[in-house]
């Protein structure tokens, strides 16, 4: 029997309802079906289904169009469903998987998509799948590749958790491997070999002593980071390893391209065998745009930089400035005790409604 979703409810109740619909990545179909069915009755919306992504848009002939997006999948459940209301430090919270990342933001989208039949701009609401897994599966990326016209707009808001304040743009990210080679030998006779793992000592020392840059971009200061994140080597405890791989992650300011980031790493680790394995450019905040200035004013918050990579970068790649704005403490995303402050859900609803209505 299909799941019935009532998006005329209070936004917090909508949050609870959609969090209780299991939608771990690759299992979004039930929630996508429910969202599609809930939005279709509204005459002011054109609803388009693209696999498990739903696009709903007004076509009122307004002078401008904005895009408001959020992903409907979650990371795996950790005994934190069904949701429940709890009190933490005197604050009412909704506890459970997806409450922060990011179904509270999706609930705000659904509530406003249903109720804003005469917004001051045309709006494209995007509910997409597969954000929490490999980039090539990302539903927003799939729309950008196959139906980019559906993402057209002058400005975009991604309802990622940001503690109900504006976080502009995002850092870029690059992963690379530093590879070491040696000669295998018995660990009782190490002088017969050459220990590849020991060769990682110098790059590890360099990483431990690295001072990350703080770079101002369009009025926001982005803090970079460079860290060792993985290490692999050896085949047995009594064998000197003849190979080793150190994986590093560089988070770089959006004023740099991925090519700039790679050049920095190659200069830093000159003489080592460095291989880039994955990268994604960041996004400038674009807070000097009239749409962004108006949005910041309505939220009543002081913008901050987004240090992590988010899908605002996909909008940036399409030439659309975007910000992160959603309920929930991002430090609680993916946590076993994931919980969103109820008042933040209402705050985001008020801010977006005030901006659009």
C-alpha atoms as a PDB file:
ATOM      1  CA  UNK A   1       0.000   0.000   0.000  1.00  0.00           C
ATOM      2  CA  UNK A   2       1.490   3.389  -0.984  1.00  0.00           C
ATOM      3  CA  UNK A   3       2.691   5.669   1.806  1.00  0.00           C
ATOM      4  CA  UNK A   4       0.438   8.728   2.180  1.00  0.00           C
ATOM      5  CA  UNK A   5       2.233  11.950   3.057  1.00  0.00           C
ATOM      6  CA  UNK A   6       0.157  14.911   4.285  1.00  0.00           C
ATOM      7  CA  UNK A   7       2.160  18.067   3.620  1.00  0.00           C
ATOM      8  CA  UNK A   8      -0.605  20.318   4.926  1.00  0.00           C
ATOM      9  CA  UNK A   9       0.490  19.349   8.444  1.00  0.00           C
ATOM     10  CA  UNK A  10       2.732  21.394  10.714  1.00  0.00           C
ATOM     11  CA  UNK A  11       6.290  21.381   9.357  1.00  0.00           C
ATOM     12  CA  UNK A  12       7.668  19.541  12.405  1.00  0.00           C
ATOM     13  CA  UNK A  13       5.087  16.777  11.968  1.00  0.00           C
ATOM     14  CA  UNK A  14       6.049  16.554   8.283  1.00  0.00           C
ATOM     15  CA  UNK A  15       9.678  16.178   9.376  1.00  0.00           C
ATOM     16  CA  UNK A  16       8.739  13.315  11.688  1.00  0.00           C
ATOM     17  CA  UNK A  17       6.663  11.606   8.998  1.00  0.00           C
ATOM     18  CA  UNK A  18       9.352  11.698   6.309  1.00  0.00           C
ATOM     19  CA  UNK A  19      12.122  10.681   8.718  1.00  0.00           C
ATOM     20  CA  UNK A  20      10.101   7.583   9.604  1.00  0.00           C
ATOM     21  CA  UNK A  21      10.022   6.568   5.928  1.00  0.00           C
ATOM     22  CA  UNK A  22      13.168   4.468   5.457  1.00  0.00           C
ATOM     23  CA  UNK A  23      15.274   6.038   2.693  1.00  0.00           C
ATOM     24  CA  UNK A  24      18.894   4.993   3.130  1.00  0.00           C
ATOM     25  CA  UNK A  25      20.775   5.665  -0.122  1.00  0.00           C
ATOM     26  CA  UNK A  26      19.565   3.365  -2.933  1.00  0.00           C
ATOM     27  CA  UNK A  27      16.279   2.843  -1.053  1.00  0.00           C
ATOM     28  CA  UNK A  28      14.655   6.224  -1.738  1.00  0.00           C
ATOM     29  CA  UNK A  29      11.792   4.975  -3.946  1.00  0.00           C
ATOM     30  CA  UNK A  30       9.128   4.834  -1.209  1.00  0.00           C
ATOM     31  CA  UNK A  31       9.830   8.385  -0.069  1.00  0.00           C
ATOM     32  CA  UNK A  32      10.139   9.639  -3.651  1.00  0.00           C
ATOM     33  CA  UNK A  33       6.755   8.071  -4.446  1.00  0.00           C
ATOM     34  CA  UNK A  34       5.209   9.748  -1.407  1.00  0.00           C
ATOM     35  CA  UNK A  35       6.672  13.158  -2.270  1.00  0.00           C
ATOM     36  CA  UNK A  36       5.526  12.916  -5.879  1.00  0.00           C
ATOM     37  CA  UNK A  37       1.994  11.912  -4.844  1.00  0.00           C
ATOM     38  CA  UNK A  38       1.824  14.681  -2.218  1.00  0.00           C
ATOM     39  CA  UNK A  39       2.860  17.434  -4.646  1.00  0.00           C
ATOM     40  CA  UNK A  40       0.864  16.440  -7.726  1.00  0.00           C
ATOM     41  CA  UNK A  41      -2.533  17.683  -6.486  1.00  0.00           C
ATOM     42  CA  UNK A  42      -1.317  21.294  -6.291  1.00  0.00           C
ATOM     43  CA  UNK A  43      -2.334  23.091  -9.486  1.00  0.00           C
ATOM     44  CA  UNK A  44       0.380  25.739  -9.174  1.00  0.00           C
ATOM     45  CA  UNK A  45       3.153  23.100  -9.456  1.00  0.00           C
ATOM     46  CA  UNK A  46       4.518  21.243 -12.452  1.00  0.00           C
ATOM     47  CA  UNK A  47       5.843  17.954 -11.060  1.00  0.00           C
ATOM     48  CA  UNK A  48       8.543  15.999 -12.901  1.00  0.00           C
ATOM     49  CA  UNK A  49       9.900  12.580 -11.842  1.00  0.00           C
ATOM     50  CA  UNK A  50      13.475  11.673 -12.811  1.00  0.00           C
ATOM     51  CA  UNK A  51      14.218   8.226 -11.369  1.00  0.00           C
ATOM     52  CA  UNK A  52      14.008   8.864  -7.603  1.00  0.00           C
ATOM     53  CA  UNK A  53      14.419  12.635  -7.890  1.00  0.00           C
ATOM     54  CA  UNK A  54      11.377  14.916  -7.903  1.00  0.00           C
ATOM     55  CA  UNK A  55      11.327  18.403  -9.414  1.00  0.00           C
ATOM     56  CA  UNK A  56       8.332  20.648  -8.696  1.00  0.00           C
ATOM     57  CA  UNK A  57       8.203  24.140 -10.146  1.00  0.00           C
ATOM     58  CA  UNK A  58       5.988  27.152 -10.558  1.00  0.00           C
ATOM     59  CA  UNK A  59       5.628  28.688 -14.012  1.00  0.00           C
ATOM     60  CA  UNK A  60       4.161  32.101 -13.276  1.00  0.00           C
ATOM     61  CA  UNK A  61       6.278  34.155 -15.663  1.00  0.00           C
ATOM     62  CA  UNK A  62       8.124  35.943 -12.872  1.00  0.00           C
ATOM     63  CA  UNK A  63      11.206  37.993 -13.774  1.00  0.00           C
ATOM     64  CA  UNK A  64      13.469  35.666 -11.795  1.00  0.00           C
ATOM     65  CA  UNK A  65      13.618  32.022 -10.759  1.00  0.00           C
ATOM     66  CA  UNK A  66      15.313  30.535  -7.712  1.00  0.00           C
ATOM     67  CA  UNK A  67      16.100  26.884  -6.998  1.00  0.00           C
ATOM     68  CA  UNK A  68      15.637  25.336  -3.554  1.00  0.00           C
ATOM     69  CA  UNK A  69      17.028  21.837  -3.201  1.00  0.00           C
ATOM     70  CA  UNK A  70      17.481  19.049  -0.696  1.00  0.00           C
ATOM     71  CA  UNK A  71      18.376  15.369  -0.742  1.00  0.00           C
ATOM     72  CA  UNK A  72      15.969  12.709   0.499  1.00  0.00           C
ATOM     73  CA  UNK A  73      18.418   9.885   1.294  1.00  0.00           C
ATOM     74  CA  UNK A  74      20.177   9.196   4.571  1.00  0.00           C
ATOM     75  CA  UNK A  75      23.188   7.275   5.780  1.00  0.00           C
ATOM     76  CA  UNK A  76      22.423   3.829   7.314  1.00  0.00           C
ATOM     77  CA  UNK A  77      20.196   3.654  10.367  1.00  0.00           C
ATOM     78  CA  UNK A  78      21.904   3.006  13.724  1.00  0.00           C
ATOM     79  CA  UNK A  79      19.029   2.026  16.024  1.00  0.00           C
ATOM     80  CA  UNK A  80      17.771   5.613  15.701  1.00  0.00           C
ATOM     81  CA  UNK A  81      14.392   5.080  14.038  1.00  0.00           C
ATOM     82  CA  UNK A  82      11.519   5.630  14.556  1.00  0.00           C
ATOM     83  CA  UNK A  83      11.926   9.258  15.525  1.00  0.00           C
ATOM     84  CA  UNK A  84      10.881  10.645  18.886  1.00  0.00           C
ATOM     85  CA  UNK A  85      10.721  13.990  20.664  1.00  0.00           C
ATOM     86  CA  UNK A  86      13.291  14.545  23.410  1.00  0.00           C
ATOM     87  CA  UNK A  87      14.437  17.465  25.536  1.00  0.00           C
ATOM     88  CA  UNK A  88      18.116  18.477  25.563  1.00  0.00           C
ATOM     89  CA  UNK A  89      19.303  21.403  27.714  1.00  0.00           C
ATOM     90  CA  UNK A  90      15.749  22.707  27.891  1.00  0.00           C
ATOM     91  CA  UNK A  91      15.250  22.582  24.112  1.00  0.00           C
ATOM     92  CA  UNK A  92      12.679  20.442  22.334  1.00  0.00           C
ATOM     93  CA  UNK A  93      14.429  18.192  19.827  1.00  0.00           C
ATOM     94  CA  UNK A  94      13.312  15.657  17.245  1.00  0.00           C
ATOM     95  CA  UNK A  95      15.680  12.678  17.543  1.00  0.00           C
ATOM     96  CA  UNK A  96      16.402  10.105  14.859  1.00  0.00           C
ATOM     97  CA  UNK A  97      18.153   9.301  11.603  1.00  0.00           C
ATOM     98  CA  UNK A  98      17.700  12.015   8.977  1.00  0.00           C
ATOM     99  CA  UNK A  99      16.383  14.680  11.330  1.00  0.00           C
ATOM    100  CA  UNK A 100      19.507  16.788  10.767  1.00  0.00           C
ATOM    101  CA  UNK A 101      20.845  15.461   7.464  1.00  0.00           C
ATOM    102  CA  UNK A 102      18.579  16.546   5.998  1.00  0.00           C
ATOM    103  CA  UNK A 103      14.897  15.746   6.189  1.00  0.00           C
ATOM    104  CA  UNK A 104      14.034  18.726   8.392  1.00  0.00           C
ATOM    105  CA  UNK A 105      15.150  20.919   5.486  1.00  0.00           C
ATOM    106  CA  UNK A 106      13.189  18.754   3.041  1.00  0.00           C
ATOM    107  CA  UNK A 107      10.088  19.129   5.223  1.00  0.00           C
ATOM    108  CA  UNK A 108      10.410  22.918   5.030  1.00  0.00           C
ATOM    109  CA  UNK A 109      10.646  22.612   1.243  1.00  0.00           C
ATOM    110  CA  UNK A 110       7.532  20.450   1.064  1.00  0.00           C
ATOM    111  CA  UNK A 111       5.486  22.719   3.338  1.00  0.00           C
ATOM    112  CA  UNK A 112       6.364  25.844   1.365  1.00  0.00           C
ATOM    113  CA  UNK A 113       6.040  24.177  -2.049  1.00  0.00           C
ATOM    114  CA  UNK A 114       2.454  23.320  -1.153  1.00  0.00           C
ATOM    115  CA  UNK A 115       1.525  26.697   0.305  1.00  0.00           C
ATOM    116  CA  UNK A 116       3.359  29.282  -1.825  1.00  0.00           C
ATOM    117  CA  UNK A 117       1.090  29.410  -4.866  1.00  0.00           C
ATOM    118  CA  UNK A 118       1.904  33.065  -5.644  1.00  0.00           C
ATOM    119  CA  UNK A 119       5.583  33.571  -4.738  1.00  0.00           C
ATOM    120  CA  UNK A 120       7.428  36.751  -5.710  1.00  0.00           C
ATOM    121  CA  UNK A 121       9.767  34.716  -7.946  1.00  0.00           C
ATOM    122  CA  UNK A 122       9.303  31.470  -9.808  1.00  0.00           C
ATOM    123  CA  UNK A 123      10.571  28.581  -7.702  1.00  0.00           C
ATOM    124  CA  UNK A 124      12.034  25.213  -8.639  1.00  0.00           C
ATOM    125  CA  UNK A 125      11.870  22.764  -5.744  1.00  0.00           C
ATOM    126  CA  UNK A 126      14.276  19.831  -6.089  1.00  0.00           C
ATOM    127  CA  UNK A 127      14.132  16.649  -3.978  1.00  0.00           C
ATOM    128  CA  UNK A 128      16.968  14.344  -5.041  1.00  0.00           C
ATOM    129  CA  UNK A 129      18.436  10.950  -4.291  1.00  0.00           C
ATOM    130  CA  UNK A 130      21.867   9.390  -3.666  1.00  0.00           C
ATOM    131  CA  UNK A 131      23.640  12.343  -2.052  1.00  0.00           C
ATOM    132  CA  UNK A 132      25.268  10.276   0.683  1.00  0.00           C
ATOM    133  CA  UNK A 133      27.111   7.882  -1.664  1.00  0.00           C
ATOM    134  CA  UNK A 134      29.466   8.009  -4.656  1.00  0.00           C
ATOM    135  CA  UNK A 135      29.341  11.258  -6.577  1.00  0.00           C
ATOM    136  CA  UNK A 136      28.452   9.632  -9.903  1.00  0.00           C
ATOM    137  CA  UNK A 137      25.145   8.411  -8.387  1.00  0.00           C
ATOM    138  CA  UNK A 138      24.121  11.837  -7.054  1.00  0.00           C
ATOM    139  CA  UNK A 139      20.611  12.728  -8.196  1.00  0.00           C
ATOM    140  CA  UNK A 140      21.342  16.446  -8.468  1.00  0.00           C
ATOM    141  CA  UNK A 141      24.377  15.673 -10.605  1.00  0.00           C
ATOM    142  CA  UNK A 142      22.241  13.396 -12.764  1.00  0.00           C
ATOM    143  CA  UNK A 143      19.722  16.207 -13.341  1.00  0.00           C
ATOM    144  CA  UNK A 144      22.564  18.607 -14.150  1.00  0.00           C
ATOM    145  CA  UNK A 145      23.898  16.180 -16.775  1.00  0.00           C
ATOM    146  CA  UNK A 146      20.612  15.101 -18.361  1.00  0.00           C
ATOM    147  CA  UNK A 147      18.146  17.956 -17.763  1.00  0.00           C
ATOM    148  CA  UNK A 148      20.206  21.038 -16.875  1.00  0.00           C
ATOM    149  CA  UNK A 149      17.347  23.344 -17.895  1.00  0.00           C
ATOM    150  CA  UNK A 150      15.444  22.129 -14.815  1.00  0.00           C
ATOM    151  CA  UNK A 151      18.107  23.699 -12.579  1.00  0.00           C
ATOM    152  CA  UNK A 152      18.141  27.081 -14.333  1.00  0.00           C
ATOM    153  CA  UNK A 153      17.866  30.038 -11.972  1.00  0.00           C
ATOM    154  CA  UNK A 154      19.526  33.199 -10.740  1.00  0.00           C
ATOM    155  CA  UNK A 155      20.176  31.893  -7.231  1.00  0.00           C
ATOM    156  CA  UNK A 156      19.911  28.617  -5.296  1.00  0.00           C
ATOM    157  CA  UNK A 157      19.459  27.567  -1.687  1.00  0.00           C
ATOM    158  CA  UNK A 158      20.550  24.114  -0.557  1.00  0.00           C
ATOM    159  CA  UNK A 159      18.716  23.146   2.639  1.00  0.00           C
ATOM    160  CA  UNK A 160      21.711  21.334   4.136  1.00  0.00           C
ATOM    161  CA  UNK A 161      21.966  21.630   7.938  1.00  0.00           C
ATOM    162  CA  UNK A 162      23.581  24.915   8.910  1.00  0.00           C
ATOM    163  CA  UNK A 163      22.054  25.608  12.345  1.00  0.00           C
ATOM    164  CA  UNK A 164      19.488  27.850  10.636  1.00  0.00           C
ATOM    165  CA  UNK A 165      22.078  30.372   9.498  1.00  0.00           C
ATOM    166  CA  UNK A 166      23.448  31.155   6.061  1.00  0.00           C
ATOM    167  CA  UNK A 167      26.657  29.359   5.133  1.00  0.00           C
ATOM    168  CA  UNK A 168      28.068  30.662   1.882  1.00  0.00           C
ATOM    169  CA  UNK A 169      29.701  28.556  -0.821  1.00  0.00           C
ATOM    170  CA  UNK A 170      31.909  25.655   0.211  1.00  0.00           C
ATOM    171  CA  UNK A 171      35.512  24.498   0.234  1.00  0.00           C
ATOM    172  CA  UNK A 172      36.756  22.245  -2.526  1.00  0.00           C
ATOM    173  CA  UNK A 173      38.118  18.805  -1.761  1.00  0.00           C
ATOM    174  CA  UNK A 174      40.941  16.725  -3.238  1.00  0.00           C
ATOM    175  CA  UNK A 175      42.143  13.244  -2.340  1.00  0.00           C
ATOM    176  CA  UNK A 176      45.551  11.992  -3.324  1.00  0.00           C
ATOM    177  CA  UNK A 177      47.784   9.028  -2.621  1.00  0.00           C
ATOM    178  CA  UNK A 178      51.498   9.220  -1.852  1.00  0.00           C
ATOM    179  CA  UNK A 179      52.981   5.889  -2.899  1.00  0.00           C
ATOM    180  CA  UNK A 180      56.186   4.337  -1.573  1.00  0.00           C
ATOM    181  CA  UNK A 181      58.142   1.322  -2.832  1.00  0.00           C
ATOM    182  CA  UNK A 182      60.779  -0.858  -1.181  1.00  0.00           C
ATOM    183  CA  UNK A 183      62.067  -4.431  -1.113  1.00  0.00           C
ATOM    184  CA  UNK A 184      60.336  -7.289   0.675  1.00  0.00           C
ATOM    185  CA  UNK A 185      62.276  -9.298   3.307  1.00  0.00           C
ATOM    186  CA  UNK A 186      61.760 -11.393   6.434  1.00  0.00           C
ATOM    187  CA  UNK A 187      61.292  -9.142   9.476  1.00  0.00           C
ATOM    188  CA  UNK A 188      64.022 -11.103  11.263  1.00  0.00           C
ATOM    189  CA  UNK A 189      66.468  -9.975   8.559  1.00  0.00           C
ATOM    190  CA  UNK A 190      65.255  -6.458   7.707  1.00  0.00           C
ATOM    191  CA  UNK A 191      68.671  -5.463   6.343  1.00  0.00           C
ATOM    192  CA  UNK A 192      67.949  -7.731   3.383  1.00  0.00           C
ATOM    193  CA  UNK A 193      65.050  -5.521   2.334  1.00  0.00           C
ATOM    194  CA  UNK A 194      63.937  -1.912   2.180  1.00  0.00           C
ATOM    195  CA  UNK A 195      60.960  -0.852   4.302  1.00  0.00           C
ATOM    196  CA  UNK A 196      58.468   1.086   2.179  1.00  0.00           C
ATOM    197  CA  UNK A 197      56.335   1.975   5.187  1.00  0.00           C
ATOM    198  CA  UNK A 198      59.178   3.778   6.934  1.00  0.00           C
ATOM    199  CA  UNK A 199      59.426   6.094   3.942  1.00  0.00           C
ATOM    200  CA  UNK A 200      56.051   7.595   4.909  1.00  0.00           C
ATOM    201  CA  UNK A 201      57.645   9.155   8.005  1.00  0.00           C
ATOM    202  CA  UNK A 202      58.707  12.352   6.248  1.00  0.00           C
ATOM    203  CA  UNK A 203      55.339  13.120   4.578  1.00  0.00           C
ATOM    204  CA  UNK A 204      53.582  12.330   7.876  1.00  0.00           C
ATOM    205  CA  UNK A 205      55.882  14.741   9.700  1.00  0.00           C
ATOM    206  CA  UNK A 206      55.160  17.400   7.073  1.00  0.00           C
ATOM    207  CA  UNK A 207      51.409  16.876   7.491  1.00  0.00           C
ATOM    208  CA  UNK A 208      51.629  17.029  11.288  1.00  0.00           C
ATOM    209  CA  UNK A 209      53.465  20.359  11.062  1.00  0.00           C
ATOM    210  CA  UNK A 210      51.351  21.821   8.242  1.00  0.00           C
ATOM    211  CA  UNK A 211      49.704  25.167   8.987  1.00  0.00           C
ATOM    212  CA  UNK A 212      46.416  25.479   7.075  1.00  0.00           C
ATOM    213  CA  UNK A 213      45.724  28.737   5.286  1.00  0.00           C
ATOM    214  CA  UNK A 214      42.814  31.024   6.085  1.00  0.00           C
ATOM    215  CA  UNK A 215      41.663  32.717   2.887  1.00  0.00           C
ATOM    216  CA  UNK A 216      39.078  35.494   2.499  1.00  0.00           C
ATOM    217  CA  UNK A 217      36.682  34.944  -0.403  1.00  0.00           C
ATOM    218  CA  UNK A 218      33.911  37.475  -1.048  1.00  0.00           C
ATOM    219  CA  UNK A 219      33.956  38.571   2.580  1.00  0.00           C
ATOM    220  CA  UNK A 220      34.009  35.101   4.188  1.00  0.00           C
ATOM    221  CA  UNK A 221      37.141  33.520   5.623  1.00  0.00           C
ATOM    222  CA  UNK A 222      37.579  29.876   4.608  1.00  0.00           C
ATOM    223  CA  UNK A 223      39.874  27.717   6.713  1.00  0.00           C
ATOM    224  CA  UNK A 224      41.720  25.098   4.670  1.00  0.00           C
ATOM    225  CA  UNK A 225      42.888  21.715   5.967  1.00  0.00           C
ATOM    226  CA  UNK A 226      45.342  19.029   4.871  1.00  0.00           C
ATOM    227  CA  UNK A 227      45.399  15.682   6.624  1.00  0.00           C
ATOM    228  CA  UNK A 228      46.444  12.067   6.368  1.00  0.00           C
ATOM    229  CA  UNK A 229      43.268   9.995   6.358  1.00  0.00           C
ATOM    230  CA  UNK A 230      44.282   6.442   5.372  1.00  0.00           C
ATOM    231  CA  UNK A 231      47.411   4.281   5.412  1.00  0.00           C
ATOM    232  CA  UNK A 232      47.883   0.847   3.869  1.00  0.00           C
ATOM    233  CA  UNK A 233      50.935  -1.399   3.716  1.00  0.00           C
ATOM    234  CA  UNK A 234      52.227  -4.900   4.237  1.00  0.00           C
ATOM    235  CA  UNK A 235      51.042  -8.473   3.768  1.00  0.00           C
ATOM    236  CA  UNK A 236      52.018 -10.084   7.094  1.00  0.00           C
ATOM    237  CA  UNK A 237      53.397  -9.190  10.505  1.00  0.00           C
ATOM    238  CA  UNK A 238      56.714 -10.933   9.798  1.00  0.00           C
ATOM    239  CA  UNK A 239      57.365  -9.391   6.367  1.00  0.00           C
ATOM    240  CA  UNK A 240      59.079  -6.087   5.619  1.00  0.00           C
ATOM    241  CA  UNK A 241      56.605  -4.258   3.336  1.00  0.00           C
ATOM    242  CA  UNK A 242      57.734  -3.492  -0.197  1.00  0.00           C
ATOM    243  CA  UNK A 243      54.923  -0.996  -0.824  1.00  0.00           C
ATOM    244  CA  UNK A 244      52.886   1.531   1.129  1.00  0.00           C
ATOM    245  CA  UNK A 245      50.175   4.062   0.317  1.00  0.00           C
ATOM    246  CA  UNK A 246      49.365   7.186   2.337  1.00  0.00           C
ATOM    247  CA  UNK A 247      46.027   8.826   1.448  1.00  0.00           C
ATOM    248  CA  UNK A 248      45.667  12.536   2.102  1.00  0.00           C
ATOM    249  CA  UNK A 249      42.688  14.885   1.914  1.00  0.00           C
ATOM    250  CA  UNK A 250      43.052  18.565   1.078  1.00  0.00           C
ATOM    251  CA  UNK A 251      40.127  20.936   1.689  1.00  0.00           C
ATOM    252  CA  UNK A 252      40.865  24.124  -0.202  1.00  0.00           C
ATOM    253  CA  UNK A 253      39.272  27.576  -0.355  1.00  0.00           C
ATOM    254  CA  UNK A 254      36.809  28.235  -3.210  1.00  0.00           C
ATOM    255  CA  UNK A 255      39.114  30.890  -4.646  1.00  0.00           C
ATOM    256  CA  UNK A 256      41.299  27.984  -5.817  1.00  0.00           C
ATOM    257  CA  UNK A 257      40.552  25.493  -8.566  1.00  0.00           C
ATOM    258  CA  UNK A 258      41.272  21.800  -8.216  1.00  0.00           C
ATOM    259  CA  UNK A 259      44.263  22.379 -10.523  1.00  0.00           C
ATOM    260  CA  UNK A 260      45.563  25.019  -8.106  1.00  0.00           C
ATOM    261  CA  UNK A 261      45.086  22.581  -5.242  1.00  0.00           C
ATOM    262  CA  UNK A 262      46.951  19.820  -7.054  1.00  0.00           C
ATOM    263  CA  UNK A 263      49.802  22.189  -7.898  1.00  0.00           C
ATOM    264  CA  UNK A 264      50.086  23.126  -4.207  1.00  0.00           C
ATOM    265  CA  UNK A 265      50.343  19.471  -3.168  1.00  0.00           C
ATOM    266  CA  UNK A 266      52.896  18.676  -5.856  1.00  0.00           C
ATOM    267  CA  UNK A 267      55.039  21.592  -4.695  1.00  0.00           C
ATOM    268  CA  UNK A 268      54.665  20.582  -1.046  1.00  0.00           C
ATOM    269  CA  UNK A 269      55.489  16.914  -1.672  1.00  0.00           C
ATOM    270  CA  UNK A 270      58.073  17.405  -4.408  1.00  0.00           C
ATOM    271  CA  UNK A 271      60.127  14.262  -4.909  1.00  0.00           C
ATOM    272  CA  UNK A 272      57.352  11.909  -3.769  1.00  0.00           C
ATOM    273  CA  UNK A 273      55.105   9.805  -6.003  1.00  0.00           C
ATOM    274  CA  UNK A 274      51.776  11.644  -5.630  1.00  0.00           C
ATOM    275  CA  UNK A 275      48.665  10.485  -7.511  1.00  0.00           C
ATOM    276  CA  UNK A 276      45.380  12.444  -7.415  1.00  0.00           C
ATOM    277  CA  UNK A 277      42.464  10.012  -7.021  1.00  0.00           C
ATOM    278  CA  UNK A 278      39.431  12.301  -6.586  1.00  0.00           C
ATOM    279  CA  UNK A 279      38.588  16.003  -6.530  1.00  0.00           C
ATOM    280  CA  UNK A 280      35.680  18.432  -6.535  1.00  0.00           C
ATOM    281  CA  UNK A 281      35.895  22.183  -6.937  1.00  0.00           C
ATOM    282  CA  UNK A 282      34.375  24.417  -4.278  1.00  0.00           C
ATOM    283  CA  UNK A 283      31.882  27.239  -4.710  1.00  0.00           C
ATOM    284  CA  UNK A 284      32.225  30.946  -4.117  1.00  0.00           C
ATOM    285  CA  UNK A 285      29.512  32.352  -1.816  1.00  0.00           C
ATOM    286  CA  UNK A 286      28.082  34.991  -4.198  1.00  0.00           C
ATOM    287  CA  UNK A 287      26.748  36.985  -1.259  1.00  0.00           C
ATOM    288  CA  UNK A 288      27.065  40.274  -3.140  1.00  0.00           C
ATOM    289  CA  UNK A 289      24.132  39.376  -5.410  1.00  0.00           C
ATOM    290  CA  UNK A 290      20.829  41.175  -4.711  1.00  0.00           C
ATOM    291  CA  UNK A 291      19.022  37.846  -4.197  1.00  0.00           C
ATOM    292  CA  UNK A 292      21.636  36.725  -1.692  1.00  0.00           C
ATOM    293  CA  UNK A 293      21.634  40.047   0.149  1.00  0.00           C
ATOM    294  CA  UNK A 294      17.850  39.919   0.448  1.00  0.00           C
ATOM    295  CA  UNK A 295      17.964  36.349   1.670  1.00  0.00           C
ATOM    296  CA  UNK A 296      20.608  37.077   4.301  1.00  0.00           C
ATOM    297  CA  UNK A 297      18.580  40.068   5.503  1.00  0.00           C
ATOM    298  CA  UNK A 298      15.423  37.965   5.892  1.00  0.00           C
ATOM    299  CA  UNK A 299      17.238  35.243   7.840  1.00  0.00           C
ATOM    300  CA  UNK A 300      18.667  37.807  10.239  1.00  0.00           C
ATOM    301  CA  UNK A 301      21.888  35.811  10.472  1.00  0.00           C
ATOM    302  CA  UNK A 302      25.546  36.625   9.940  1.00  0.00           C
ATOM    303  CA  UNK A 303      26.832  34.498   7.036  1.00  0.00           C
ATOM    304  CA  UNK A 304      29.592  32.006   7.729  1.00  0.00           C
ATOM    305  CA  UNK A 305      31.731  29.918   5.377  1.00  0.00           C
ATOM    306  CA  UNK A 306      30.941  26.248   4.710  1.00  0.00           C
ATOM    307  CA  UNK A 307      34.158  24.308   5.324  1.00  0.00           C
ATOM    308  CA  UNK A 308      32.867  20.996   3.998  1.00  0.00           C
ATOM    309  CA  UNK A 309      31.975  20.257   0.385  1.00  0.00           C
ATOM    310  CA  UNK A 310      28.257  20.356  -0.459  1.00  0.00           C
ATOM    311  CA  UNK A 311      26.139  20.311  -3.590  1.00  0.00           C
ATOM    312  CA  UNK A 312      26.194  24.111  -3.780  1.00  0.00           C
ATOM    313  CA  UNK A 313      29.309  23.404  -5.850  1.00  0.00           C
ATOM    314  CA  UNK A 314      27.122  21.724  -8.483  1.00  0.00           C
ATOM    315  CA  UNK A 315      25.098  24.919  -8.791  1.00  0.00           C
ATOM    316  CA  UNK A 316      28.290  26.955  -8.953  1.00  0.00           C
ATOM    317  CA  UNK A 317      29.491  24.772 -11.843  1.00  0.00           C
ATOM    318  CA  UNK A 318      26.277  25.703 -13.670  1.00  0.00           C
ATOM    319  CA  UNK A 319      26.935  29.388 -13.053  1.00  0.00           C
ATOM    320  CA  UNK A 320      24.302  29.667 -10.306  1.00  0.00           C
ATOM    321  CA  UNK A 321      25.423  31.199  -6.997  1.00  0.00           C
ATOM    322  CA  UNK A 322      24.159  29.188  -4.028  1.00  0.00           C
ATOM    323  CA  UNK A 323      24.154  29.136  -0.232  1.00  0.00           C
ATOM    324  CA  UNK A 324      23.545  26.483   2.414  1.00  0.00           C
ATOM    325  CA  UNK A 325      20.638  27.162   4.763  1.00  0.00           C
ATOM    326  CA  UNK A 326      18.785  24.567   6.790  1.00  0.00           C
ATOM    327  CA  UNK A 327      17.825  23.429  10.278  1.00  0.00           C
ATOM    328  CA  UNK A 328      20.100  21.223  12.338  1.00  0.00           C
ATOM    329  CA  UNK A 329      23.600  21.320  13.759  1.00  0.00           C
ATOM    330  CA  UNK A 330      25.883  19.909  11.037  1.00  0.00           C
ATOM    331  CA  UNK A 331      28.060  18.391  13.776  1.00  0.00           C
ATOM    332  CA  UNK A 332      25.151  16.029  14.497  1.00  0.00           C
ATOM    333  CA  UNK A 333      24.834  14.849  10.883  1.00  0.00           C
ATOM    334  CA  UNK A 334      25.370  11.049  10.671  1.00  0.00           C
ATOM    335  CA  UNK A 335      25.643  10.774  14.468  1.00  0.00           C
ATOM    336  CA  UNK A 336      23.908   7.965  16.356  1.00  0.00           C
ATOM    337  CA  UNK A 337      22.246  10.640  18.511  1.00  0.00           C
ATOM    338  CA  UNK A 338      21.261  12.772  15.498  1.00  0.00           C
ATOM    339  CA  UNK A 339      18.614  15.275  16.596  1.00  0.00           C
ATOM    340  CA  UNK A 340      17.330  18.624  15.322  1.00  0.00           C
ATOM    341  CA  UNK A 341      16.139  21.525  17.446  1.00  0.00           C
ATOM    342  CA  UNK A 342      12.438  22.023  16.692  1.00  0.00           C
ATOM    343  CA  UNK A 343      12.709  25.805  16.815  1.00  0.00           C
ATOM    344  CA  UNK A 344      15.326  25.728  14.053  1.00  0.00           C
ATOM    345  CA  UNK A 345      12.828  24.013  11.746  1.00  0.00           C
ATOM    346  CA  UNK A 346      10.314  26.791  12.371  1.00  0.00           C
ATOM    347  CA  UNK A 347      13.024  29.456  11.952  1.00  0.00           C
ATOM    348  CA  UNK A 348      13.959  28.112   8.519  1.00  0.00           C
ATOM    349  CA  UNK A 349      10.321  27.927   7.480  1.00  0.00           C
ATOM    350  CA  UNK A 350       9.747  31.561   8.542  1.00  0.00           C
ATOM    351  CA  UNK A 351      12.876  32.816   6.796  1.00  0.00           C
ATOM    352  CA  UNK A 352      12.230  31.075   3.470  1.00  0.00           C
ATOM    353  CA  UNK A 353       8.553  32.038   3.536  1.00  0.00           C
ATOM    354  CA  UNK A 354       9.411  35.678   4.242  1.00  0.00           C
ATOM    355  CA  UNK A 355      11.934  35.730   1.414  1.00  0.00           C
ATOM    356  CA  UNK A 356       9.677  34.082  -1.161  1.00  0.00           C
ATOM    357  CA  UNK A 357       6.252  35.460  -0.238  1.00  0.00           C
END
